Amino acid sequence: MDGILFRQPVVICLFLTGLTQFSLYRTTDAPHVNTALDSFDLAILAILQADNLTPQREIAERVHLSPAAVQRRIRRLQDSGVIAANAAVLDPEAVGLPLTIFISVQLVNELDALTAQFRARVAAEVAVQQCYNVTGDTDYLLIVAAADMQEYQAITRRLFDGDQNIRRFNTSIALGTLKRSLSLPLPGAASTGGA
């Protein structure tokens, strides 16, 4: 029986602080296990990143394994957290969200007790596609999808108004998209020039 997986998550919010990771869309609640990936695993992952609707039978033919072996490997990759999510990737403009907005946030203090409410608001805000805790003169970088500037303003009010720990936030709006992908460069996998 062919399994169906989707290419990459539509909405993902990652907080990287030390060694912890939180994702809104995970295939498992198990923590990420450092799984040793062999050449078969990497080949399977490369195929799934390019087209996650590829039937397991076709993957098996392409990587020279049995369909059952491919199914077991995909399940192990999901269970260990290597495959972090199964979701459809939507075209933002097609669903009425033409604005991609980058918001850099600088906090007054990064103590967990002071950032907890901010992090909870960001995690709950569906318009936030991605959020990274970063180095440099900003503390968090958010990627937000919005229909228009009015919606963007409502989002920033929900996220930042009344939070005394927000020193400032700066906004950049994408004028165009050269590349949009969550595909990772896998060791030994040939570049497909896209995906």
C-alpha atoms as a PDB file:
ATOM      1  CA  MET A   1       0.000   0.000   0.000  1.00  0.00           C
ATOM      2  CA  ASP A   2       1.397   3.383  -0.988  1.00  0.00           C
ATOM      3  CA  GLY A   3       1.742   5.995   1.729  1.00  0.00           C
ATOM      4  CA  ILE A   4       1.170   9.653   1.012  1.00  0.00           C
ATOM      5  CA  LEU A   5       3.274  12.346   2.634  1.00  0.00           C
ATOM      6  CA  PHE A   6       3.266  16.049   1.903  1.00  0.00           C
ATOM      7  CA  ARG A   7       6.348  18.025   0.960  1.00  0.00           C
ATOM      8  CA  GLN A   8       6.826  20.563   3.756  1.00  0.00           C
ATOM      9  CA  PRO A   9       4.953  22.398   6.488  1.00  0.00           C
ATOM     10  CA  VAL A  10       2.842  25.412   5.630  1.00  0.00           C
ATOM     11  CA  VAL A  11       3.056  26.954   9.066  1.00  0.00           C
ATOM     12  CA  ILE A  12       5.968  26.298  11.322  1.00  0.00           C
ATOM     13  CA  CYS A  13       7.201  28.202  14.304  1.00  0.00           C
ATOM     14  CA  LEU A  14      10.571  27.259  15.700  1.00  0.00           C
ATOM     15  CA  PHE A  15      12.106  28.583  18.860  1.00  0.00           C
ATOM     16  CA  LEU A  16      15.748  27.659  18.998  1.00  0.00           C
ATOM     17  CA  THR A  17      17.166  28.306  22.429  1.00  0.00           C
ATOM     18  CA  GLY A  18      20.079  26.177  23.442  1.00  0.00           C
ATOM     19  CA  LEU A  19      19.213  22.648  22.443  1.00  0.00           C
ATOM     20  CA  THR A  20      15.418  22.917  22.658  1.00  0.00           C
ATOM     21  CA  GLN A  21      13.138  23.035  19.656  1.00  0.00           C
ATOM     22  CA  PHE A  22       9.389  23.613  19.474  1.00  0.00           C
ATOM     23  CA  SER A  23       7.372  23.136  16.314  1.00  0.00           C
ATOM     24  CA  LEU A  24       3.653  23.649  15.832  1.00  0.00           C
ATOM     25  CA  TYR A  25       3.356  20.858  13.276  1.00  0.00           C
ATOM     26  CA  ARG A  26       5.179  17.697  14.245  1.00  0.00           C
ATOM     27  CA  THR A  27       4.434  14.165  13.195  1.00  0.00           C
ATOM     28  CA  THR A  28       5.320  12.946  16.677  1.00  0.00           C
ATOM     29  CA  ASP A  29       5.512  14.309  20.192  1.00  0.00           C
ATOM     30  CA  ALA A  30       8.740  12.386  20.725  1.00  0.00           C
ATOM     31  CA  PRO A  31      11.835  14.560  21.017  1.00  0.00           C
ATOM     32  CA  HIS A  32      14.179  14.608  18.049  1.00  0.00           C
ATOM     33  CA  VAL A  33      16.496  11.635  18.273  1.00  0.00           C
ATOM     34  CA  ASN A  34      19.911  11.918  16.669  1.00  0.00           C
ATOM     35  CA  THR A  35      19.309   9.281  14.015  1.00  0.00           C
ATOM     36  CA  ALA A  36      22.225   8.082  11.914  1.00  0.00           C
ATOM     37  CA  LEU A  37      21.169   8.513   8.295  1.00  0.00           C
ATOM     38  CA  ASP A  38      22.562   6.174   5.674  1.00  0.00           C
ATOM     39  CA  SER A  39      22.598   6.711   1.909  1.00  0.00           C
ATOM     40  CA  PHE A  40      19.162   5.072   1.522  1.00  0.00           C
ATOM     41  CA  ASP A  41      17.630   7.386   4.131  1.00  0.00           C
ATOM     42  CA  LEU A  42      19.160  10.437   2.446  1.00  0.00           C
ATOM     43  CA  ALA A  43      17.921   9.311  -0.979  1.00  0.00           C
ATOM     44  CA  ILE A  44      14.403   8.771   0.395  1.00  0.00           C
ATOM     45  CA  LEU A  45      14.440  12.174   2.095  1.00  0.00           C
ATOM     46  CA  ALA A  46      15.619  13.878  -1.101  1.00  0.00           C
ATOM     47  CA  ILE A  47      12.718  12.326  -3.031  1.00  0.00           C
ATOM     48  CA  LEU A  48      10.180  13.281  -0.360  1.00  0.00           C
ATOM     49  CA  GLN A  49      11.464  16.873  -0.210  1.00  0.00           C
ATOM     50  CA  ALA A  50      11.102  17.204  -3.979  1.00  0.00           C
ATOM     51  CA  ASP A  51       7.637  15.579  -4.111  1.00  0.00           C
ATOM     52  CA  ASN A  52       6.112  14.208  -0.953  1.00  0.00           C
ATOM     53  CA  LEU A  53       3.252  12.690  -2.926  1.00  0.00           C
ATOM     54  CA  THR A  54       5.661  10.181  -4.481  1.00  0.00           C
ATOM     55  CA  PRO A  55       4.227   6.685  -3.913  1.00  0.00           C
ATOM     56  CA  GLN A  56       6.365   4.414  -1.765  1.00  0.00           C
ATOM     57  CA  ARG A  57       6.480   1.894  -4.613  1.00  0.00           C
ATOM     58  CA  GLU A  58       8.128   4.506  -6.865  1.00  0.00           C
ATOM     59  CA  ILE A  59      10.535   5.549  -4.100  1.00  0.00           C
ATOM     60  CA  ALA A  60      11.477   1.880  -3.662  1.00  0.00           C
ATOM     61  CA  GLU A  61      12.270   1.547  -7.377  1.00  0.00           C
ATOM     62  CA  ARG A  62      14.359   4.725  -7.380  1.00  0.00           C
ATOM     63  CA  VAL A  63      16.433   3.835  -4.296  1.00  0.00           C
ATOM     64  CA  HIS A  64      16.624   0.082  -5.045  1.00  0.00           C
ATOM     65  CA  LEU A  65      14.840  -1.152  -1.915  1.00  0.00           C
ATOM     66  CA  SER A  66      11.614  -3.070  -1.411  1.00  0.00           C
ATOM     67  CA  PRO A  67       8.420  -1.065  -0.782  1.00  0.00           C
ATOM     68  CA  ALA A  68       8.247  -2.610   2.710  1.00  0.00           C
ATOM     69  CA  ALA A  69      11.799  -1.445   3.489  1.00  0.00           C
ATOM     70  CA  VAL A  70      10.952   2.071   2.286  1.00  0.00           C
ATOM     71  CA  GLN A  71       7.809   2.076   4.422  1.00  0.00           C
ATOM     72  CA  ARG A  72       9.796   0.996   7.514  1.00  0.00           C
ATOM     73  CA  ARG A  73      12.438   3.663   6.878  1.00  0.00           C
ATOM     74  CA  ILE A  74       9.861   6.427   6.406  1.00  0.00           C
ATOM     75  CA  ARG A  75       8.098   5.383   9.628  1.00  0.00           C
ATOM     76  CA  ARG A  76      11.449   5.405  11.493  1.00  0.00           C
ATOM     77  CA  LEU A  77      12.290   8.842  10.058  1.00  0.00           C
ATOM     78  CA  GLN A  78       8.895  10.126  11.215  1.00  0.00           C
ATOM     79  CA  ASP A  79       9.083   8.518  14.655  1.00  0.00           C
ATOM     80  CA  SER A  80      12.581   9.893  15.278  1.00  0.00           C
ATOM     81  CA  GLY A  81      11.560  13.413  14.228  1.00  0.00           C
ATOM     82  CA  VAL A  82      13.759  13.591  11.111  1.00  0.00           C
ATOM     83  CA  ILE A  83      10.564  14.008   9.086  1.00  0.00           C
ATOM     84  CA  ALA A  84       9.097  16.753  11.239  1.00  0.00           C
ATOM     85  CA  ALA A  85       5.728  17.287   9.574  1.00  0.00           C
ATOM     86  CA  ASN A  86       3.264  16.219   6.932  1.00  0.00           C
ATOM     87  CA  ALA A  87       1.309  19.139   5.503  1.00  0.00           C
ATOM     88  CA  ALA A  88       0.235  20.634   2.190  1.00  0.00           C
ATOM     89  CA  VAL A  89       2.236  23.632   0.972  1.00  0.00           C
ATOM     90  CA  LEU A  90      -0.131  26.385  -0.117  1.00  0.00           C
ATOM     91  CA  ASP A  91       0.462  29.264  -2.505  1.00  0.00           C
ATOM     92  CA  PRO A  92      -0.001  32.353  -0.282  1.00  0.00           C
ATOM     93  CA  GLU A  93      -1.406  34.514  -3.085  1.00  0.00           C
ATOM     94  CA  ALA A  94      -3.891  31.827  -4.120  1.00  0.00           C
ATOM     95  CA  VAL A  95      -5.365  31.820  -0.601  1.00  0.00           C
ATOM     96  CA  GLY A  96      -5.496  35.607  -0.308  1.00  0.00           C
ATOM     97  CA  LEU A  97      -2.269  36.218   1.629  1.00  0.00           C
ATOM     98  CA  PRO A  98      -0.054  38.110  -0.832  1.00  0.00           C
ATOM     99  CA  LEU A  99       2.079  39.911   1.776  1.00  0.00           C
ATOM    100  CA  THR A 100       5.138  38.213   3.230  1.00  0.00           C
ATOM    101  CA  ILE A 101       6.416  40.299   6.114  1.00  0.00           C
ATOM    102  CA  PHE A 102       9.641  39.942   8.076  1.00  0.00           C
ATOM    103  CA  ILE A 103       9.543  41.331  11.602  1.00  0.00           C
ATOM    104  CA  SER A 104      12.682  41.636  13.702  1.00  0.00           C
ATOM    105  CA  VAL A 105      11.963  41.978  17.407  1.00  0.00           C
ATOM    106  CA  GLN A 106      14.344  43.325  20.024  1.00  0.00           C
ATOM    107  CA  LEU A 107      13.531  42.547  23.643  1.00  0.00           C
ATOM    108  CA  VAL A 108      14.459  44.463  26.765  1.00  0.00           C
ATOM    109  CA  ASN A 109      15.381  41.237  28.591  1.00  0.00           C
ATOM    110  CA  GLU A 110      15.591  37.625  27.382  1.00  0.00           C
ATOM    111  CA  LEU A 111      14.864  35.915  30.694  1.00  0.00           C
ATOM    112  CA  ASP A 112      12.482  32.995  30.149  1.00  0.00           C
ATOM    113  CA  ALA A 113      10.000  34.391  32.664  1.00  0.00           C
ATOM    114  CA  LEU A 114       9.791  37.630  30.663  1.00  0.00           C
ATOM    115  CA  THR A 115       9.665  36.060  27.201  1.00  0.00           C
ATOM    116  CA  ALA A 116       7.140  33.304  27.988  1.00  0.00           C
ATOM    117  CA  GLN A 117       4.055  35.386  27.195  1.00  0.00           C
ATOM    118  CA  PHE A 118       5.595  36.736  23.978  1.00  0.00           C
ATOM    119  CA  ARG A 119       6.526  33.225  22.878  1.00  0.00           C
ATOM    120  CA  ALA A 120       3.015  31.965  23.670  1.00  0.00           C
ATOM    121  CA  ARG A 121       1.417  34.776  21.623  1.00  0.00           C
ATOM    122  CA  VAL A 122       3.731  34.063  18.684  1.00  0.00           C
ATOM    123  CA  ALA A 123       3.041  30.309  18.844  1.00  0.00           C
ATOM    124  CA  ALA A 124      -0.721  30.948  18.918  1.00  0.00           C
ATOM    125  CA  GLU A 125      -0.720  33.489  16.061  1.00  0.00           C
ATOM    126  CA  VAL A 126      -1.639  31.592  12.889  1.00  0.00           C
ATOM    127  CA  ALA A 127      -0.300  34.406  10.674  1.00  0.00           C
ATOM    128  CA  VAL A 128       3.225  33.758  11.976  1.00  0.00           C
ATOM    129  CA  GLN A 129       4.678  31.185   9.613  1.00  0.00           C
ATOM    130  CA  GLN A 130       8.114  31.001  11.175  1.00  0.00           C
ATOM    131  CA  CYS A 131       9.829  32.458  14.228  1.00  0.00           C
ATOM    132  CA  TYR A 132      13.510  32.182  15.061  1.00  0.00           C
ATOM    133  CA  ASN A 133      15.463  33.217  18.149  1.00  0.00           C
ATOM    134  CA  VAL A 134      18.551  34.736  16.491  1.00  0.00           C
ATOM    135  CA  THR A 135      21.920  36.308  17.228  1.00  0.00           C
ATOM    136  CA  GLY A 136      22.862  39.904  16.492  1.00  0.00           C
ATOM    137  CA  ASP A 137      21.100  43.135  17.380  1.00  0.00           C
ATOM    138  CA  THR A 138      17.655  41.543  17.183  1.00  0.00           C
ATOM    139  CA  ASP A 139      16.335  38.723  19.352  1.00  0.00           C
ATOM    140  CA  TYR A 140      13.573  37.171  17.243  1.00  0.00           C
ATOM    141  CA  LEU A 141      12.861  37.103  13.522  1.00  0.00           C
ATOM    142  CA  LEU A 142       9.265  36.393  12.497  1.00  0.00           C
ATOM    143  CA  ILE A 143       7.934  35.611   9.036  1.00  0.00           C
ATOM    144  CA  VAL A 144       4.284  36.594   8.752  1.00  0.00           C
ATOM    145  CA  ALA A 145       1.662  36.115   6.019  1.00  0.00           C
ATOM    146  CA  ALA A 146      -1.037  38.780   5.688  1.00  0.00           C
ATOM    147  CA  ALA A 147      -3.775  39.788   3.270  1.00  0.00           C
ATOM    148  CA  ASP A 148      -3.070  43.522   3.504  1.00  0.00           C
ATOM    149  CA  MET A 149      -1.522  46.235   5.672  1.00  0.00           C
ATOM    150  CA  GLN A 150      -4.645  46.531   7.812  1.00  0.00           C
ATOM    151  CA  GLU A 151      -4.364  42.862   8.736  1.00  0.00           C
ATOM    152  CA  TYR A 152      -0.628  43.287   9.355  1.00  0.00           C
ATOM    153  CA  GLN A 153      -1.342  46.119  11.800  1.00  0.00           C
ATOM    154  CA  ALA A 154      -3.876  43.958  13.636  1.00  0.00           C
ATOM    155  CA  ILE A 155      -1.294  41.161  13.880  1.00  0.00           C
ATOM    156  CA  THR A 156       1.364  43.473  15.327  1.00  0.00           C
ATOM    157  CA  ARG A 157      -1.130  44.829  17.854  1.00  0.00           C
ATOM    158  CA  ARG A 158      -1.963  41.284  18.990  1.00  0.00           C
ATOM    159  CA  LEU A 159       1.701  40.352  19.247  1.00  0.00           C
ATOM    160  CA  PHE A 160       3.313  43.473  20.680  1.00  0.00           C
ATOM    161  CA  ASP A 161       0.819  45.891  22.276  1.00  0.00           C
ATOM    162  CA  GLY A 162       1.124  46.093  26.032  1.00  0.00           C
ATOM    163  CA  ASP A 163       4.277  43.955  26.231  1.00  0.00           C
ATOM    164  CA  GLN A 164       6.737  46.049  28.230  1.00  0.00           C
ATOM    165  CA  ASN A 165       9.517  43.605  27.322  1.00  0.00           C
ATOM    166  CA  ILE A 166       9.406  44.586  23.619  1.00  0.00           C
ATOM    167  CA  ARG A 167      12.062  47.249  23.087  1.00  0.00           C
ATOM    168  CA  ARG A 168      11.222  47.671  19.404  1.00  0.00           C
ATOM    169  CA  PHE A 169      10.303  45.820  16.252  1.00  0.00           C
ATOM    170  CA  ASN A 170      11.220  46.551  12.645  1.00  0.00           C
ATOM    171  CA  THR A 171       9.350  45.414   9.575  1.00  0.00           C
ATOM    172  CA  SER A 172      10.457  44.548   6.049  1.00  0.00           C
ATOM    173  CA  ILE A 173       7.916  43.627   3.391  1.00  0.00           C
ATOM    174  CA  ALA A 174       8.859  41.272   0.569  1.00  0.00           C
ATOM    175  CA  LEU A 175       8.539  42.984  -2.812  1.00  0.00           C
ATOM    176  CA  GLY A 176       8.843  39.673  -4.622  1.00  0.00           C
ATOM    177  CA  THR A 177       9.834  36.071  -4.051  1.00  0.00           C
ATOM    178  CA  LEU A 178      12.960  34.671  -5.653  1.00  0.00           C
ATOM    179  CA  LYS A 179      12.767  31.362  -3.781  1.00  0.00           C
ATOM    180  CA  ARG A 180      10.449  29.896  -1.140  1.00  0.00           C
ATOM    181  CA  SER A 181      11.414  26.522   0.268  1.00  0.00           C
ATOM    182  CA  LEU A 182      11.894  24.612   3.469  1.00  0.00           C
ATOM    183  CA  SER A 183      13.852  21.859   1.699  1.00  0.00           C
ATOM    184  CA  LEU A 184      17.207  21.142   3.297  1.00  0.00           C
ATOM    185  CA  PRO A 185      20.478  20.484   1.445  1.00  0.00           C
ATOM    186  CA  LEU A 186      21.104  16.822   2.195  1.00  0.00           C
ATOM    187  CA  PRO A 187      24.620  15.340   2.191  1.00  0.00           C
ATOM    188  CA  GLY A 188      25.256  13.433  -1.004  1.00  0.00           C
ATOM    189  CA  ALA A 189      21.932  14.408  -2.577  1.00  0.00           C
ATOM    190  CA  ALA A 190      22.150  15.986  -6.007  1.00  0.00           C
ATOM    191  CA  SER A 191      20.774  19.509  -6.294  1.00  0.00           C
ATOM    192  CA  THR A 192      17.471  19.554  -8.130  1.00  0.00           C
ATOM    193  CA  GLY A 193      17.675  23.287  -8.758  1.00  0.00           C
ATOM    194  CA  GLY A 194      14.391  23.906  -6.961  1.00  0.00           C
ATOM    195  CA  ALA A 195      11.739  22.432  -4.689  1.00  0.00           C
END
